[in-house]
């Protein structure tokens, strides 16, 4: 499970709604990394209580299970 000693949030602008909801990460001694909404890591990084083990969330190439008579 990922862990960190420090967590910071930067909310630029006047606090109004925006079209983009990307996440910007800075790893130890590394450059900033942008996580777009379409990145499979976006959901576990944004909704940490729903993905406590960091498993990947929705992504563009997720497989569709076609089960017409099976459970949803």
C-alpha atoms as a PDB file:
ATOM      1  CA  UNK A   1       0.000   0.000   0.000  1.00  0.00           C
ATOM      2  CA  UNK A   2       1.422   3.431  -0.904  1.00  0.00           C
ATOM      3  CA  UNK A   3       2.349   5.703   1.953  1.00  0.00           C
ATOM      4  CA  UNK A   4       3.789   9.182   2.413  1.00  0.00           C
ATOM      5  CA  UNK A   5       5.108  11.315   5.225  1.00  0.00           C
ATOM      6  CA  UNK A   6       3.845  14.551   3.670  1.00  0.00           C
ATOM      7  CA  UNK A   7       0.824  15.379   1.546  1.00  0.00           C
ATOM      8  CA  UNK A   8       0.126  18.760  -0.035  1.00  0.00           C
ATOM      9  CA  UNK A   9      -2.654  20.210  -2.169  1.00  0.00           C
ATOM     10  CA  UNK A  10      -2.376  23.240  -4.445  1.00  0.00           C
ATOM     11  CA  UNK A  11      -5.637  24.785  -5.636  1.00  0.00           C
ATOM     12  CA  UNK A  12      -4.801  27.552  -8.119  1.00  0.00           C
ATOM     13  CA  UNK A  13      -7.210  30.300  -9.063  1.00  0.00           C
ATOM     14  CA  UNK A  14     -10.212  31.843  -7.344  1.00  0.00           C
ATOM     15  CA  UNK A  15     -11.803  28.511  -6.428  1.00  0.00           C
ATOM     16  CA  UNK A  16     -14.293  28.385  -9.302  1.00  0.00           C
ATOM     17  CA  UNK A  17     -15.110  25.175 -11.168  1.00  0.00           C
ATOM     18  CA  UNK A  18     -12.747  24.016 -13.911  1.00  0.00           C
ATOM     19  CA  UNK A  19     -13.019  21.620 -16.826  1.00  0.00           C
ATOM     20  CA  UNK A  20      -9.894  19.664 -15.892  1.00  0.00           C
ATOM     21  CA  UNK A  21      -9.435  17.513 -12.808  1.00  0.00           C
ATOM     22  CA  UNK A  22      -5.909  16.229 -13.325  1.00  0.00           C
ATOM     23  CA  UNK A  23      -3.677  15.161 -10.458  1.00  0.00           C
ATOM     24  CA  UNK A  24      -0.086  16.410 -10.269  1.00  0.00           C
ATOM     25  CA  UNK A  25       2.389  14.205  -8.392  1.00  0.00           C
ATOM     26  CA  UNK A  26       5.955  14.841  -7.356  1.00  0.00           C
ATOM     27  CA  UNK A  27       7.898  11.732  -6.481  1.00  0.00           C
ATOM     28  CA  UNK A  28      10.982  11.867  -4.281  1.00  0.00           C
ATOM     29  CA  UNK A  29      13.642  13.984  -5.989  1.00  0.00           C
ATOM     30  CA  UNK A  30      11.826  13.692  -9.304  1.00  0.00           C
ATOM     31  CA  UNK A  31       9.967  15.916 -11.732  1.00  0.00           C
ATOM     32  CA  UNK A  32       6.252  16.659 -11.519  1.00  0.00           C
ATOM     33  CA  UNK A  33       4.013  14.060 -13.169  1.00  0.00           C
ATOM     34  CA  UNK A  34       0.510  14.824 -14.466  1.00  0.00           C
ATOM     35  CA  UNK A  35      -2.124  12.094 -14.049  1.00  0.00           C
ATOM     36  CA  UNK A  36      -4.979  12.758 -16.486  1.00  0.00           C
ATOM     37  CA  UNK A  37      -8.585  11.698 -15.830  1.00  0.00           C
ATOM     38  CA  UNK A  38      -8.190   8.915 -18.420  1.00  0.00           C
ATOM     39  CA  UNK A  39      -5.168   7.387 -16.651  1.00  0.00           C
ATOM     40  CA  UNK A  40      -6.021   4.093 -14.874  1.00  0.00           C
ATOM     41  CA  UNK A  41      -4.230   5.416 -11.763  1.00  0.00           C
ATOM     42  CA  UNK A  42      -6.504   8.497 -11.565  1.00  0.00           C
ATOM     43  CA  UNK A  43      -9.372   6.860  -9.636  1.00  0.00           C
ATOM     44  CA  UNK A  44      -7.211   5.220  -6.941  1.00  0.00           C
ATOM     45  CA  UNK A  45      -5.242   8.453  -6.456  1.00  0.00           C
ATOM     46  CA  UNK A  46      -8.364  10.641  -6.308  1.00  0.00           C
ATOM     47  CA  UNK A  47     -10.663   8.296  -4.368  1.00  0.00           C
ATOM     48  CA  UNK A  48      -8.253   6.725  -1.886  1.00  0.00           C
ATOM     49  CA  UNK A  49     -11.027   5.481   0.416  1.00  0.00           C
ATOM     50  CA  UNK A  50     -12.646   3.524  -2.444  1.00  0.00           C
ATOM     51  CA  UNK A  51      -9.322   2.054  -3.642  1.00  0.00           C
ATOM     52  CA  UNK A  52      -7.325   1.452  -0.419  1.00  0.00           C
ATOM     53  CA  UNK A  53      -4.978  -1.059  -2.084  1.00  0.00           C
ATOM     54  CA  UNK A  54      -4.294   1.192  -5.083  1.00  0.00           C
ATOM     55  CA  UNK A  55      -5.827  -1.139  -7.677  1.00  0.00           C
ATOM     56  CA  UNK A  56      -6.410   0.455 -11.078  1.00  0.00           C
ATOM     57  CA  UNK A  57      -9.722   2.109 -11.821  1.00  0.00           C
ATOM     58  CA  UNK A  58     -11.575   2.813 -15.063  1.00  0.00           C
ATOM     59  CA  UNK A  59      -9.551   3.327 -18.259  1.00  0.00           C
ATOM     60  CA  UNK A  60     -10.177   3.707 -21.996  1.00  0.00           C
ATOM     61  CA  UNK A  61      -9.280   0.098 -22.882  1.00  0.00           C
ATOM     62  CA  UNK A  62     -11.180  -1.619 -20.071  1.00  0.00           C
ATOM     63  CA  UNK A  63     -12.700  -4.923 -21.185  1.00  0.00           C
ATOM     64  CA  UNK A  64     -16.461  -5.149 -21.520  1.00  0.00           C
ATOM     65  CA  UNK A  65     -18.064  -8.285 -20.094  1.00  0.00           C
ATOM     66  CA  UNK A  66     -20.948  -9.193 -22.392  1.00  0.00           C
ATOM     67  CA  UNK A  67     -23.182 -11.420 -20.245  1.00  0.00           C
ATOM     68  CA  UNK A  68     -26.773 -11.156 -21.493  1.00  0.00           C
ATOM     69  CA  UNK A  69     -28.085 -13.902 -19.159  1.00  0.00           C
ATOM     70  CA  UNK A  70     -25.555 -13.585 -16.343  1.00  0.00           C
ATOM     71  CA  UNK A  71     -25.303 -11.250 -13.377  1.00  0.00           C
ATOM     72  CA  UNK A  72     -24.666  -7.582 -14.050  1.00  0.00           C
END
